[in-house]
């Protein structure tokens, strides 16, 4: 199924019915595909945290709080 942004807003019931039928919904904006929505059953079981691509990115060992403080500090 193909749905525009307007369809997501005004015809959300139809989009949800398509997902119940295990259809993939392509979301379009101004005629170009911006993304896709797949049903939970089609996507399979939830991914384990250790398998997520972002898991282990903080290899430095610093705490999250100190990393965020470092990112939020002023430029000067």
C-alpha atoms as a PDB file:
ATOM      1  CA  UNK A   1       0.000   0.000   0.000  1.00  0.00           C
ATOM      2  CA  UNK A   2       1.149   3.531  -0.687  1.00  0.00           C
ATOM      3  CA  UNK A   3       0.039   6.310   1.647  1.00  0.00           C
ATOM      4  CA  UNK A   4       0.795  10.004   1.643  1.00  0.00           C
ATOM      5  CA  UNK A   5       1.294  12.116   4.734  1.00  0.00           C
ATOM      6  CA  UNK A   6      -2.331  13.277   4.398  1.00  0.00           C
ATOM      7  CA  UNK A   7      -3.492   9.645   4.271  1.00  0.00           C
ATOM      8  CA  UNK A   8      -1.652   8.927   7.508  1.00  0.00           C
ATOM      9  CA  UNK A   9      -3.537  11.743   9.155  1.00  0.00           C
ATOM     10  CA  UNK A  10      -7.032  11.320   7.742  1.00  0.00           C
ATOM     11  CA  UNK A  11      -7.140   7.630   6.762  1.00  0.00           C
ATOM     12  CA  UNK A  12      -5.131   6.090   9.581  1.00  0.00           C
ATOM     13  CA  UNK A  13      -7.737   3.344  10.069  1.00  0.00           C
ATOM     14  CA  UNK A  14      -7.147   2.120   6.507  1.00  0.00           C
ATOM     15  CA  UNK A  15      -3.384   2.173   7.033  1.00  0.00           C
ATOM     16  CA  UNK A  16      -3.755   0.126  10.218  1.00  0.00           C
ATOM     17  CA  UNK A  17      -5.982  -2.375   8.406  1.00  0.00           C
ATOM     18  CA  UNK A  18      -3.294  -2.776   5.743  1.00  0.00           C
ATOM     19  CA  UNK A  19      -0.756  -3.473   8.476  1.00  0.00           C
ATOM     20  CA  UNK A  20      -3.141  -6.059   9.974  1.00  0.00           C
ATOM     21  CA  UNK A  21      -3.095  -7.777   6.562  1.00  0.00           C
ATOM     22  CA  UNK A  22       0.748  -7.815   6.778  1.00  0.00           C
ATOM     23  CA  UNK A  23       1.054  -5.314   3.939  1.00  0.00           C
ATOM     24  CA  UNK A  24       3.967  -2.943   3.743  1.00  0.00           C
ATOM     25  CA  UNK A  25       2.941   0.727   3.718  1.00  0.00           C
ATOM     26  CA  UNK A  26       5.160   3.081   1.717  1.00  0.00           C
ATOM     27  CA  UNK A  27       4.912   6.640   3.032  1.00  0.00           C
ATOM     28  CA  UNK A  28       5.202   9.316   0.364  1.00  0.00           C
ATOM     29  CA  UNK A  29       5.686  13.051   0.547  1.00  0.00           C
ATOM     30  CA  UNK A  30       5.141  15.072  -2.613  1.00  0.00           C
ATOM     31  CA  UNK A  31       5.239  11.872  -4.647  1.00  0.00           C
ATOM     32  CA  UNK A  32       8.583  10.627  -3.332  1.00  0.00           C
ATOM     33  CA  UNK A  33       8.924   7.681  -0.979  1.00  0.00           C
ATOM     34  CA  UNK A  34      10.163   8.872   2.409  1.00  0.00           C
ATOM     35  CA  UNK A  35       9.881   5.641   4.365  1.00  0.00           C
ATOM     36  CA  UNK A  36       8.017   2.434   4.910  1.00  0.00           C
ATOM     37  CA  UNK A  37       6.007   0.935   7.711  1.00  0.00           C
ATOM     38  CA  UNK A  38       5.939  -2.820   8.233  1.00  0.00           C
ATOM     39  CA  UNK A  39       3.759  -4.776  10.609  1.00  0.00           C
ATOM     40  CA  UNK A  40       5.166  -6.069  13.871  1.00  0.00           C
ATOM     41  CA  UNK A  41       4.565  -9.684  12.909  1.00  0.00           C
ATOM     42  CA  UNK A  42       6.387  -9.219   9.597  1.00  0.00           C
ATOM     43  CA  UNK A  43       9.398  -7.592  11.202  1.00  0.00           C
ATOM     44  CA  UNK A  44       9.818 -10.574  13.508  1.00  0.00           C
ATOM     45  CA  UNK A  45      10.740 -10.628  17.152  1.00  0.00           C
ATOM     46  CA  UNK A  46      12.217  -7.593  18.793  1.00  0.00           C
ATOM     47  CA  UNK A  47      15.946  -7.180  18.423  1.00  0.00           C
ATOM     48  CA  UNK A  48      18.080  -7.881  21.459  1.00  0.00           C
ATOM     49  CA  UNK A  49      19.891  -4.852  22.799  1.00  0.00           C
ATOM     50  CA  UNK A  50      23.306  -6.426  22.251  1.00  0.00           C
ATOM     51  CA  UNK A  51      22.475  -6.918  18.543  1.00  0.00           C
ATOM     52  CA  UNK A  52      21.559  -3.265  17.979  1.00  0.00           C
ATOM     53  CA  UNK A  53      24.085  -1.348  15.837  1.00  0.00           C
ATOM     54  CA  UNK A  54      24.479   1.379  18.484  1.00  0.00           C
ATOM     55  CA  UNK A  55      25.307  -1.060  21.276  1.00  0.00           C
ATOM     56  CA  UNK A  56      28.872  -0.614  22.476  1.00  0.00           C
ATOM     57  CA  UNK A  57      29.508   2.688  20.695  1.00  0.00           C
ATOM     58  CA  UNK A  58      30.823   4.216  23.898  1.00  0.00           C
ATOM     59  CA  UNK A  59      34.088   2.290  23.858  1.00  0.00           C
ATOM     60  CA  UNK A  60      35.887   4.970  25.884  1.00  0.00           C
ATOM     61  CA  UNK A  61      34.281   3.730  29.100  1.00  0.00           C
ATOM     62  CA  UNK A  62      33.166   7.208  30.198  1.00  0.00           C
ATOM     63  CA  UNK A  63      29.806   7.512  31.870  1.00  0.00           C
ATOM     64  CA  UNK A  64      26.831   8.726  29.895  1.00  0.00           C
ATOM     65  CA  UNK A  65      26.496  11.769  32.136  1.00  0.00           C
ATOM     66  CA  UNK A  66      30.081  12.900  31.590  1.00  0.00           C
ATOM     67  CA  UNK A  67      29.790  12.303  27.839  1.00  0.00           C
ATOM     68  CA  UNK A  68      26.624  14.401  27.661  1.00  0.00           C
ATOM     69  CA  UNK A  69      28.211  17.161  29.746  1.00  0.00           C
ATOM     70  CA  UNK A  70      31.141  17.197  27.334  1.00  0.00           C
ATOM     71  CA  UNK A  71      28.792  17.468  24.329  1.00  0.00           C
ATOM     72  CA  UNK A  72      26.702  20.226  25.931  1.00  0.00           C
ATOM     73  CA  UNK A  73      29.571  22.479  26.989  1.00  0.00           C
ATOM     74  CA  UNK A  74      29.966  25.872  25.359  1.00  0.00           C
ATOM     75  CA  UNK A  75      32.098  26.300  22.278  1.00  0.00           C
ATOM     76  CA  UNK A  76      34.420  28.850  23.811  1.00  0.00           C
END
